[in-house]
N, C-alpha and C. Protein backbone atom coordinates (compact mmCIF):
# COMPACT_ATOMS: atom_id res chain seq x y z
N MET A 1 58.04 95.37 64.04
CA MET A 1 58.36 96.78 64.28
C MET A 1 59.11 97.39 62.52
N ASN A 2 58.63 98.58 62.64
CA ASN A 2 59.24 99.44 61.65
C ASN A 2 60.93 99.94 61.60
N LYS A 3 61.77 100.15 60.58
CA LYS A 3 62.95 100.33 60.64
C LYS A 3 63.16 101.49 61.57
N GLN A 4 62.18 102.34 61.41
CA GLN A 4 62.47 103.73 62.22
C GLN A 4 62.15 103.37 63.85
N ASP A 5 61.25 102.31 64.34
CA ASP A 5 60.98 102.10 65.89
C ASP A 5 62.59 101.56 65.97
N ILE A 6 63.35 100.85 64.95
CA ILE A 6 64.51 99.73 65.38
C ILE A 6 65.84 100.59 65.54
N ILE A 7 65.73 101.93 64.79
CA ILE A 7 66.74 102.94 65.00
C ILE A 7 66.48 103.68 66.13
N LYS A 8 64.90 104.23 66.37
CA LYS A 8 64.63 104.70 67.97
C LYS A 8 65.27 103.75 69.07
N LEU A 9 65.20 102.49 69.26
CA LEU A 9 65.30 101.65 70.08
C LEU A 9 66.68 101.42 70.60
N ALA A 10 67.52 101.39 68.94
CA ALA A 10 69.31 101.10 69.30
C ALA A 10 69.48 102.59 69.94
N ALA A 11 69.02 103.80 69.14
CA ALA A 11 69.64 105.25 70.01
C ALA A 11 69.07 105.09 71.81
N GLU A 12 68.07 104.78 71.73
CA GLU A 12 68.11 104.74 73.45
C GLU A 12 68.81 103.79 73.95
N THR A 13 68.77 102.83 73.58
CA THR A 13 69.50 101.91 74.38
C THR A 13 71.02 102.12 74.67
N ALA A 14 71.37 102.94 73.00
CA ALA A 14 72.94 103.35 73.41
C ALA A 14 73.20 104.29 74.24
N VAL A 15 72.21 104.97 74.45
CA VAL A 15 72.04 106.45 75.31
C VAL A 15 71.74 105.87 76.73
N GLN A 16 71.62 104.63 76.56
CA GLN A 16 71.06 103.94 78.47
C GLN A 16 72.44 103.44 78.55
N LYS A 17 73.09 103.08 77.53
CA LYS A 17 74.21 102.34 77.67
C LYS A 17 75.57 103.34 78.29
N THR A 18 75.63 104.65 77.52
CA THR A 18 76.33 105.18 77.38
C THR A 18 76.23 106.08 79.13
N LEU A 19 74.86 106.43 79.41
CA LEU A 19 74.87 106.98 80.61
C LEU A 19 75.25 106.35 81.79
N GLU A 20 74.90 104.83 82.01
CA GLU A 20 75.45 103.96 82.73
C GLU A 20 77.01 103.89 83.16
N THR A 21 77.70 103.73 81.69
CA THR A 21 78.73 103.79 81.86
C THR A 21 79.68 105.24 82.18
N LEU A 22 79.19 106.09 81.94
CA LEU A 22 79.45 107.27 82.59
C LEU A 22 79.18 107.36 84.29
N ASP A 23 78.24 106.89 84.58
CA ASP A 23 77.55 106.94 86.10
C ASP A 23 78.39 105.64 86.73
N GLN A 24 79.20 105.06 86.01
CA GLN A 24 79.97 104.04 86.37
C GLN A 24 81.64 104.67 86.59
N GLU A 25 81.80 105.37 85.74
CA GLU A 25 82.87 105.87 85.73
C GLU A 25 82.95 107.04 86.74
N ARG A 26 82.11 107.69 86.99
CA ARG A 26 82.23 108.88 87.60
C ARG A 26 81.78 108.42 89.60
N LYS A 27 81.37 107.20 89.52
CA LYS A 27 81.94 106.37 90.76
C LYS A 27 83.08 105.97 90.98
N LYS A 28 83.76 105.48 90.04
CA LYS A 28 85.18 104.28 90.29
C LYS A 28 85.99 105.95 90.31
N GLN A 29 85.61 107.30 90.01
CA GLN A 29 86.59 108.54 90.53
C GLN A 29 86.48 108.40 91.35
N ILE A 30 85.27 108.86 92.25
CA ILE A 30 85.09 109.07 93.78
C ILE A 30 85.82 108.35 94.68
N LYS A 31 85.55 107.13 94.22
CA LYS A 31 86.19 106.26 95.41
C LYS A 31 87.86 106.32 94.98
N SER A 32 88.37 106.16 94.08
CA SER A 32 89.86 106.80 93.57
C SER A 32 89.84 107.82 94.62
N ARG A 33 89.51 108.69 94.46
CA ARG A 33 89.69 110.41 94.86
C ARG A 33 89.69 110.07 96.65
N HIS A 34 88.72 108.88 96.69
CA HIS A 34 88.54 108.89 98.44
C HIS A 34 89.77 107.91 98.88
N ASP A 35 89.99 107.00 97.75
CA ASP A 35 91.30 106.28 99.01
C ASP A 35 92.70 106.97 98.05
N GLN A 36 92.70 107.84 97.01
CA GLN A 36 93.77 108.30 97.27
C GLN A 36 93.92 109.71 98.54
N ARG A 37 92.56 110.27 99.15
CA ARG A 37 92.57 111.31 100.16
C ARG A 37 93.30 109.97 101.52
N LEU A 38 92.81 108.92 101.99
CA LEU A 38 93.06 107.91 102.96
C LEU A 38 94.56 107.75 102.49
N ARG A 39 94.91 107.28 101.53
CA ARG A 39 96.56 107.49 101.52
C ARG A 39 97.73 108.47 101.91
N ASN A 40 97.05 109.68 101.52
CA ASN A 40 97.00 110.60 101.58
C ASN A 40 97.43 111.21 103.21
N THR A 41 96.37 110.62 103.61
CA THR A 41 96.56 110.90 104.98
C THR A 41 97.59 109.80 105.98
N ARG A 42 97.38 108.84 105.48
CA ARG A 42 98.08 107.64 106.12
C ARG A 42 99.79 108.31 106.33
N LEU A 43 99.95 108.75 104.98
CA LEU A 43 101.14 109.04 104.47
C LEU A 43 101.80 110.27 105.64
N LEU A 44 100.66 111.36 105.64
CA LEU A 44 101.20 112.60 105.88
C LEU A 44 101.26 112.08 108.06
N LEU A 45 100.28 111.08 108.39
CA LEU A 45 100.39 110.59 109.74
C LEU A 45 102.17 109.62 109.95
N ARG A 46 102.21 108.91 109.09
CA ARG A 46 103.58 108.36 109.14
C ARG A 46 104.77 109.14 109.18
N ASN A 47 104.37 110.20 108.39
CA ASN A 47 105.32 111.14 108.44
C ASN A 47 105.57 112.59 109.15
N TYR A 48 104.19 112.21 110.07
CA TYR A 48 104.05 113.85 110.78
C TYR A 48 104.64 114.37 111.70
N ASN A 49 105.72 113.26 112.62
CA ASN A 49 106.91 113.48 113.23
C ASN A 49 108.03 114.12 112.73
N MET A 50 108.24 113.94 111.69
CA MET A 50 109.75 114.20 110.71
C MET A 50 108.87 115.52 110.14
N LEU A 51 108.00 115.74 109.73
CA LEU A 51 107.05 117.49 109.09
C LEU A 51 107.30 118.37 110.36
N LYS A 52 106.78 117.90 111.57
CA LYS A 52 107.09 118.60 112.28
C LYS A 52 108.44 119.11 112.59
N ASP A 53 109.21 118.21 112.68
CA ASP A 53 110.42 118.78 113.18
C ASP A 53 111.04 119.38 112.16
N HIS A 54 110.94 119.25 110.73
CA HIS A 54 111.23 120.04 109.67
C HIS A 54 111.15 121.27 109.80
N CYS A 55 109.51 121.41 110.32
CA CYS A 55 109.11 123.02 110.72
C CYS A 55 109.46 123.83 111.23
N GLU A 56 109.96 123.07 112.86
CA GLU A 56 110.50 123.27 114.01
C GLU A 56 111.93 123.72 113.89
N LYS A 57 112.68 122.65 113.43
CA LYS A 57 114.30 123.04 113.20
C LYS A 57 114.83 123.86 111.48
N SER A 58 113.72 123.84 110.80
CA SER A 58 114.23 124.38 109.66
C SER A 58 115.09 125.55 110.56
N VAL A 59 116.32 125.78 109.37
CA VAL A 59 116.91 127.03 109.43
C VAL A 59 116.49 128.34 108.84
N TYR A 60 115.59 128.15 108.11
CA TYR A 60 115.02 129.43 107.70
C TYR A 60 113.62 129.22 107.87
N LYS A 61 113.34 129.90 108.86
CA LYS A 61 111.95 129.73 109.30
C LYS A 61 111.15 130.63 109.18
N LEU A 62 109.55 130.27 109.41
CA LEU A 62 108.46 130.51 108.27
C LEU A 62 108.36 132.54 108.78
N GLN A 63 108.58 132.88 109.47
CA GLN A 63 108.80 134.11 110.18
C GLN A 63 109.95 134.77 109.08
N GLN A 64 110.66 134.34 108.65
CA GLN A 64 111.39 135.12 107.41
C GLN A 64 110.81 135.00 106.16
N ALA A 65 110.08 133.57 105.83
CA ALA A 65 109.98 133.53 104.53
C ALA A 65 108.43 134.54 104.54
N ALA A 66 108.05 134.76 105.52
CA ALA A 66 106.92 135.81 105.10
C ALA A 66 107.19 136.83 105.47
N GLY A 67 108.21 137.30 105.83
CA GLY A 67 108.74 138.51 106.17
C GLY A 67 109.57 140.07 105.09
N ALA A 68 110.03 137.88 104.13
CA ALA A 68 111.31 138.68 102.82
C ALA A 68 109.82 139.02 101.84
N GLU A 69 110.23 140.42 101.61
CA GLU A 69 108.93 141.08 100.33
C GLU A 69 109.48 140.66 98.63
N ASN A 70 111.31 140.95 99.04
CA ASN A 70 111.64 140.89 97.22
C ASN A 70 112.62 140.03 97.77
N ALA A 71 113.71 139.95 96.63
CA ALA A 71 114.74 139.13 96.37
C ALA A 71 115.75 140.03 97.32
N ILE A 72 116.16 141.21 97.76
CA ILE A 72 116.81 141.47 98.43
C ILE A 72 116.97 141.44 100.09
N ASP A 73 115.49 141.12 100.30
CA ASP A 73 115.24 140.52 101.55
C ASP A 73 115.69 139.29 101.84
N ILE A 74 115.45 138.71 100.79
CA ILE A 74 115.20 137.48 101.19
C ILE A 74 116.81 136.63 100.88
N LEU A 75 117.64 137.62 100.12
CA LEU A 75 118.79 137.28 99.73
C LEU A 75 119.77 137.43 101.50
N ASP A 76 118.77 139.29 102.14
CA ASP A 76 119.50 139.08 103.13
C ASP A 76 118.99 138.05 104.40
N ALA A 77 117.81 137.70 104.26
CA ALA A 77 117.83 137.33 105.60
C ALA A 77 118.54 135.93 105.27
N LEU A 78 118.67 135.18 103.85
CA LEU A 78 119.83 133.69 104.21
C LEU A 78 120.55 134.44 104.36
N ASN A 79 121.85 135.55 104.11
CA ASN A 79 122.91 135.94 105.19
C ASN A 79 122.49 135.70 105.98
N ARG A 80 121.30 136.20 106.98
CA ARG A 80 121.81 136.16 108.42
C ARG A 80 121.34 134.97 108.95
N CYS A 81 121.15 133.73 107.81
CA CYS A 81 121.45 132.50 108.73
C CYS A 81 122.75 131.78 108.59
N SER A 82 123.02 130.39 108.95
CA SER A 82 124.30 130.09 109.23
C SER A 82 125.20 130.06 107.92
N GLY A 83 124.98 130.66 107.05
CA GLY A 83 125.72 130.93 106.02
C GLY A 83 125.60 129.99 105.00
N ASP A 84 125.10 128.68 105.17
CA ASP A 84 125.35 127.82 103.83
C ASP A 84 124.04 128.41 103.04
N VAL A 85 124.03 127.60 102.11
CA VAL A 85 123.40 128.50 100.67
C VAL A 85 121.73 127.38 100.76
N TYR A 86 121.19 128.56 100.68
CA TYR A 86 119.48 127.70 100.42
C TYR A 86 118.99 128.47 99.26
N ILE A 87 117.98 127.77 99.12
CA ILE A 87 117.38 127.89 97.78
C ILE A 87 115.78 128.30 97.93
N GLU A 88 114.91 128.87 97.43
CA GLU A 88 113.70 128.89 97.26
C GLU A 88 112.71 127.82 97.32
N SER A 89 113.18 127.13 97.28
CA SER A 89 112.50 125.61 97.58
C SER A 89 112.31 125.28 99.24
N ILE A 90 113.88 126.04 99.58
CA ILE A 90 113.60 125.25 101.45
C ILE A 90 112.39 126.23 101.45
N LYS A 91 112.71 127.10 101.37
CA LYS A 91 111.78 128.41 102.15
C LYS A 91 110.37 128.30 101.55
N ASN A 92 110.18 127.77 100.27
CA ASN A 92 108.55 127.44 100.48
C ASN A 92 108.25 125.94 100.87
N SER A 93 109.30 125.39 101.12
CA SER A 93 108.91 123.72 101.27
C SER A 93 108.54 124.40 102.93
N VAL A 94 109.19 125.00 103.98
CA VAL A 94 109.36 125.21 105.10
C VAL A 94 107.44 126.09 105.36
N ALA A 95 107.37 126.75 104.23
CA ALA A 95 106.01 127.57 104.56
C ALA A 95 104.80 126.31 104.58
N ARG A 96 104.48 125.57 102.99
CA ARG A 96 103.71 124.51 102.93
C ARG A 96 103.53 123.80 103.97
N THR A 97 104.89 123.40 104.83
CA THR A 97 104.68 121.84 105.25
C THR A 97 104.30 123.01 106.78
N HIS A 98 104.63 123.82 107.52
CA HIS A 98 104.04 124.75 108.68
C HIS A 98 102.71 124.75 108.17
N VAL A 99 101.98 124.84 106.93
CA VAL A 99 100.44 125.21 106.68
C VAL A 99 99.67 123.80 106.84
N ILE A 100 100.58 122.58 106.31
CA ILE A 100 99.81 121.64 106.52
C ILE A 100 100.15 120.51 107.87
N ILE A 101 101.37 121.17 108.34
CA ILE A 101 100.85 120.25 110.00
C ILE A 101 100.31 121.64 110.66
N THR A 102 99.79 122.98 110.71
CA THR A 102 98.92 123.36 111.38
C THR A 102 97.59 122.93 111.30
N HIS A 103 97.07 122.38 109.69
CA HIS A 103 96.50 122.20 109.95
C HIS A 103 95.48 120.93 110.65
N ILE A 104 96.69 119.95 110.28
CA ILE A 104 96.92 118.74 110.40
C ILE A 104 96.27 118.43 112.36
N ASP A 105 97.25 119.42 112.80
CA ASP A 105 96.47 119.70 113.93
C ASP A 105 95.47 120.08 114.49
N GLU A 106 95.24 120.63 113.99
CA GLU A 106 94.00 121.51 114.43
C GLU A 106 92.89 120.61 114.00
N MET A 107 92.67 119.59 112.81
CA MET A 107 92.02 118.87 112.95
C MET A 107 91.82 117.16 113.73
N LEU A 108 93.44 117.56 114.50
CA LEU A 108 93.68 116.31 115.59
C LEU A 108 93.11 116.84 116.66
N LYS A 109 92.68 118.00 116.81
CA LYS A 109 92.08 118.14 118.03
C LYS A 109 90.57 118.24 117.84
N MET A 110 90.17 118.58 116.82
CA MET A 110 88.75 118.52 116.86
C MET A 110 88.27 116.74 116.24
N TYR A 111 88.97 116.31 116.24
CA TYR A 111 89.11 114.21 116.20
C TYR A 111 88.81 114.22 117.45
N LYS A 112 89.86 114.56 118.19
CA LYS A 112 89.99 114.20 119.71
C LYS A 112 88.81 114.91 120.22
N ILE A 113 88.55 116.09 120.26
CA ILE A 113 86.93 116.51 120.57
C ILE A 113 85.73 115.86 120.72
N TYR A 114 85.70 115.32 119.32
CA TYR A 114 85.06 114.39 118.68
C TYR A 114 84.64 113.30 119.62
N CYS A 115 85.79 112.48 119.94
CA CYS A 115 86.07 111.23 120.63
C CYS A 115 85.84 111.43 121.62
N ASP A 116 86.43 112.39 122.80
CA ASP A 116 86.18 112.85 123.90
C ASP A 116 84.49 112.65 123.93
N LYS A 117 83.71 113.53 123.18
CA LYS A 117 82.17 113.94 123.86
C LYS A 117 81.54 112.38 123.66
N SER A 118 82.02 111.64 122.49
CA SER A 118 81.42 110.35 122.27
C SER A 118 80.71 109.36 122.99
N ASP A 119 79.60 108.91 123.29
CA ASP A 119 79.45 108.24 124.07
C ASP A 119 80.07 106.40 124.23
N LYS A 120 80.44 106.44 123.14
CA LYS A 120 81.30 104.89 122.75
C LYS A 120 82.42 104.87 122.84
N GLU A 121 82.56 104.14 123.72
CA GLU A 121 84.05 103.61 124.45
C GLU A 121 85.65 103.22 123.17
N GLU A 122 84.78 103.12 122.72
CA GLU A 122 85.75 102.31 121.08
C GLU A 122 86.05 103.80 120.24
N ASP A 123 84.71 105.13 120.14
CA ASP A 123 85.77 106.13 120.01
C ASP A 123 87.23 106.95 120.20
N LYS A 124 86.79 106.68 121.83
CA LYS A 124 87.80 106.97 122.87
C LYS A 124 88.67 105.99 122.44
N ARG A 125 89.13 105.17 122.26
CA ARG A 125 90.37 103.99 122.10
C ARG A 125 90.54 104.46 120.83
N ARG A 126 90.02 104.59 120.11
CA ARG A 126 90.40 105.18 118.82
C ARG A 126 91.20 105.72 118.34
N TYR A 127 90.96 107.04 119.00
CA TYR A 127 91.73 107.86 119.02
C TYR A 127 93.34 107.57 119.88
N ARG A 128 93.14 106.93 120.74
CA ARG A 128 94.31 106.66 121.91
C ARG A 128 95.41 105.58 120.82
N VAL A 129 94.72 104.86 120.20
CA VAL A 129 95.41 103.93 119.29
C VAL A 129 96.07 104.70 118.03
N LEU A 130 95.07 105.48 117.63
CA LEU A 130 95.84 106.78 116.70
C LEU A 130 96.87 107.00 116.97
N CYS A 131 97.20 107.45 118.08
CA CYS A 131 97.93 108.46 118.69
C CYS A 131 99.58 107.72 118.94
N ALA A 132 98.99 106.70 119.44
CA ALA A 132 100.03 105.18 120.21
C ALA A 132 100.70 105.10 118.83
N ALA A 133 100.22 104.55 117.63
CA ALA A 133 100.42 104.20 116.56
C ALA A 133 101.22 105.30 115.63
N TYR A 134 101.03 106.77 115.52
CA TYR A 134 101.78 107.26 114.32
C TYR A 134 102.13 108.36 114.77
N PHE A 135 102.36 108.57 116.34
CA PHE A 135 102.78 110.01 117.23
C PHE A 135 103.89 109.20 117.95
N LYS A 136 103.52 108.14 119.25
CA LYS A 136 104.48 108.01 119.83
C LYS A 136 104.92 106.71 119.07
N LYS A 137 105.01 106.23 117.73
CA LYS A 137 105.54 105.29 117.13
C LYS A 137 105.55 104.01 117.92
N GLN A 138 104.62 103.76 118.57
CA GLN A 138 104.52 102.39 119.58
C GLN A 138 104.47 100.59 118.57
N LYS A 139 104.59 99.84 119.05
CA LYS A 139 104.35 98.79 117.90
C LYS A 139 103.00 98.41 118.46
N VAL A 140 102.65 97.59 117.08
CA VAL A 140 101.13 97.28 117.36
C VAL A 140 101.01 96.02 118.65
N GLU A 141 101.60 95.24 118.81
CA GLU A 141 101.98 94.54 119.60
C GLU A 141 101.75 94.93 121.42
N ASP A 142 102.33 96.14 121.21
CA ASP A 142 102.24 96.63 122.75
C ASP A 142 101.22 97.79 122.91
N ILE A 143 100.73 98.66 121.52
CA ILE A 143 99.23 98.74 121.55
C ILE A 143 97.87 98.12 121.90
N CYS A 144 98.27 96.99 121.17
CA CYS A 144 97.14 95.53 121.72
C CYS A 144 96.92 95.24 123.02
N GLN A 145 98.19 95.31 123.77
CA GLN A 145 98.84 95.21 125.04
C GLN A 145 97.90 96.01 125.98
N GLN A 146 98.34 97.26 125.58
CA GLN A 146 97.87 98.67 126.24
C GLN A 146 96.42 98.42 126.42
N GLU A 147 95.70 98.24 124.91
CA GLU A 147 94.35 98.26 125.44
C GLU A 147 93.56 97.53 125.74
N ASN A 148 94.22 96.19 125.79
CA ASN A 148 93.59 94.72 125.91
C ASN A 148 92.65 94.73 124.54
N ILE A 149 93.37 94.47 123.23
CA ILE A 149 92.71 94.54 122.09
C ILE A 149 93.28 93.81 121.24
N ASP A 150 92.76 92.94 120.00
CA ASP A 150 93.36 91.88 119.69
C ASP A 150 94.01 92.80 118.04
N ARG A 151 94.27 92.10 117.36
CA ARG A 151 95.36 93.00 115.80
C ARG A 151 93.89 93.29 115.29
N ARG A 152 93.07 92.43 114.73
CA ARG A 152 92.06 92.63 113.86
C ARG A 152 91.34 94.29 114.54
N THR A 153 91.19 94.17 116.06
CA THR A 153 90.45 95.68 116.50
C THR A 153 91.08 96.60 116.15
N TYR A 154 92.88 96.31 116.53
CA TYR A 154 93.57 97.68 116.40
C TYR A 154 93.57 98.07 114.85
N PHE A 155 93.60 96.92 113.48
CA PHE A 155 93.68 97.86 112.43
C PHE A 155 92.26 97.93 112.20
N ARG A 156 90.99 97.79 112.43
CA ARG A 156 89.94 98.18 112.58
C ARG A 156 89.96 99.78 112.90
N ASP A 157 90.22 99.76 114.28
CA ASP A 157 90.63 100.98 114.57
C ASP A 157 91.15 101.88 114.54
N THR A 158 92.38 101.77 113.78
CA THR A 158 93.41 102.61 112.50
C THR A 158 92.46 102.55 111.22
N ASN A 159 92.27 101.99 110.74
CA ASN A 159 91.24 102.14 109.56
C ASN A 159 89.96 103.48 109.65
N ASP A 160 89.01 103.08 111.03
CA ASP A 160 88.21 104.15 111.27
C ASP A 160 88.45 105.40 111.54
N ALA A 161 89.70 105.48 112.72
CA ALA A 161 90.36 106.81 112.62
C ALA A 161 90.73 107.56 111.91
N ILE A 162 91.46 106.46 110.51
CA ILE A 162 92.17 107.82 109.62
C ILE A 162 90.99 107.97 108.79
N GLU A 163 90.00 107.29 108.58
CA GLU A 163 88.72 107.18 107.79
C GLU A 163 87.97 108.90 108.37
N LYS A 164 87.67 108.93 109.36
CA LYS A 164 87.33 109.78 110.25
C LYS A 164 88.09 111.54 109.87
N LEU A 165 89.44 111.13 110.09
CA LEU A 165 89.93 112.43 110.01
C LEU A 165 90.60 112.61 109.06
N SER A 166 90.72 111.58 107.65
CA SER A 166 90.57 111.87 106.59
C SER A 166 89.70 112.88 106.07
N ALA A 167 88.42 113.07 106.73
CA ALA A 167 87.25 113.69 106.02
C ALA A 167 87.54 115.16 106.77
N LEU A 168 88.18 115.07 108.19
CA LEU A 168 88.67 116.43 108.36
C LEU A 168 89.51 117.07 107.63
N ILE A 169 90.24 116.30 107.45
CA ILE A 169 91.38 117.24 106.61
C ILE A 169 91.26 117.56 105.10
N PHE A 170 90.41 116.62 104.80
CA PHE A 170 90.35 117.07 103.30
C PHE A 170 88.96 117.53 103.06
N GLY A 171 87.86 117.73 104.24
CA GLY A 171 86.72 118.46 104.23
C GLY A 171 86.10 117.10 103.31
N PHE A 172 85.13 118.16 102.53
CA PHE A 172 83.82 117.29 101.60
C PHE A 172 84.68 116.30 101.01
N ASP A 173 85.79 116.53 99.98
CA ASP A 173 86.72 115.29 99.32
C ASP A 173 87.27 114.23 100.30
N GLY A 174 87.11 114.12 101.51
CA GLY A 174 87.29 113.15 102.48
C GLY A 174 86.48 112.36 102.71
N LEU A 175 84.97 112.97 102.47
CA LEU A 175 83.98 111.94 102.90
C LEU A 175 83.89 110.69 101.80
N TYR A 176 83.02 109.80 102.09
CA TYR A 176 82.70 108.61 100.64
C TYR A 176 81.69 107.80 101.20
N ASP A 177 80.64 107.87 100.45
CA ASP A 177 79.63 107.06 100.60
C ASP A 177 79.62 105.81 99.73
N VAL A 178 79.37 104.46 101.13
CA VAL A 178 79.56 103.46 100.26
C VAL A 178 78.67 102.93 99.38
N SER A 179 77.07 103.86 98.95
CA SER A 179 76.40 103.50 98.28
C SER A 179 76.78 104.09 97.25
N GLN A 180 77.97 105.13 96.79
CA GLN A 180 78.59 105.15 95.60
C GLN A 180 79.47 104.30 95.30
N THR A 181 79.73 103.16 95.68
CA THR A 181 80.51 102.35 95.42
C THR A 181 80.35 101.68 93.86
N CYS A 182 81.27 101.66 92.90
CA CYS A 182 80.60 100.49 91.75
C CYS A 182 80.70 99.03 92.34
N HIS A 183 80.19 97.98 91.03
CA HIS A 183 80.06 96.97 91.54
C HIS A 183 80.37 96.17 90.56
């Protein structure tokens, strides 16, 4: 090999190694984003009842937030409330929380329809397990007894349900292709 062949081979090797490194980094980012979506889905489910109560029991209602067009309207609306001091972030928090809860409710309806239409009994069970665990706040042991399953099945069911629900909640970003995993 002459000097130019060695330089060309080194450059090709460097480019190949760079492309492989970039591809592995992209796969890590995809997996990390997916893992974050799953964590966020679990967090939303764990706090669903509290967030729903926040929307329903908020003194500053969503209709007031939507109807207030300027600072005077906002101040007037606040004065009509209980007289407590409110800040803009409370109004924004109620509005954002309402959007999130409405979206989750719709995706839960879609997931229920998917499970109800499924020919697989485990899909129906996964929906029941998810609801019992996150919305009814039942203990793992009680759910296992009701469904006649062991703890491992309970955790597999909740993980699978959350995986599917995450895909519905986050759309395309909630999906994850196992073949994309880094090794």
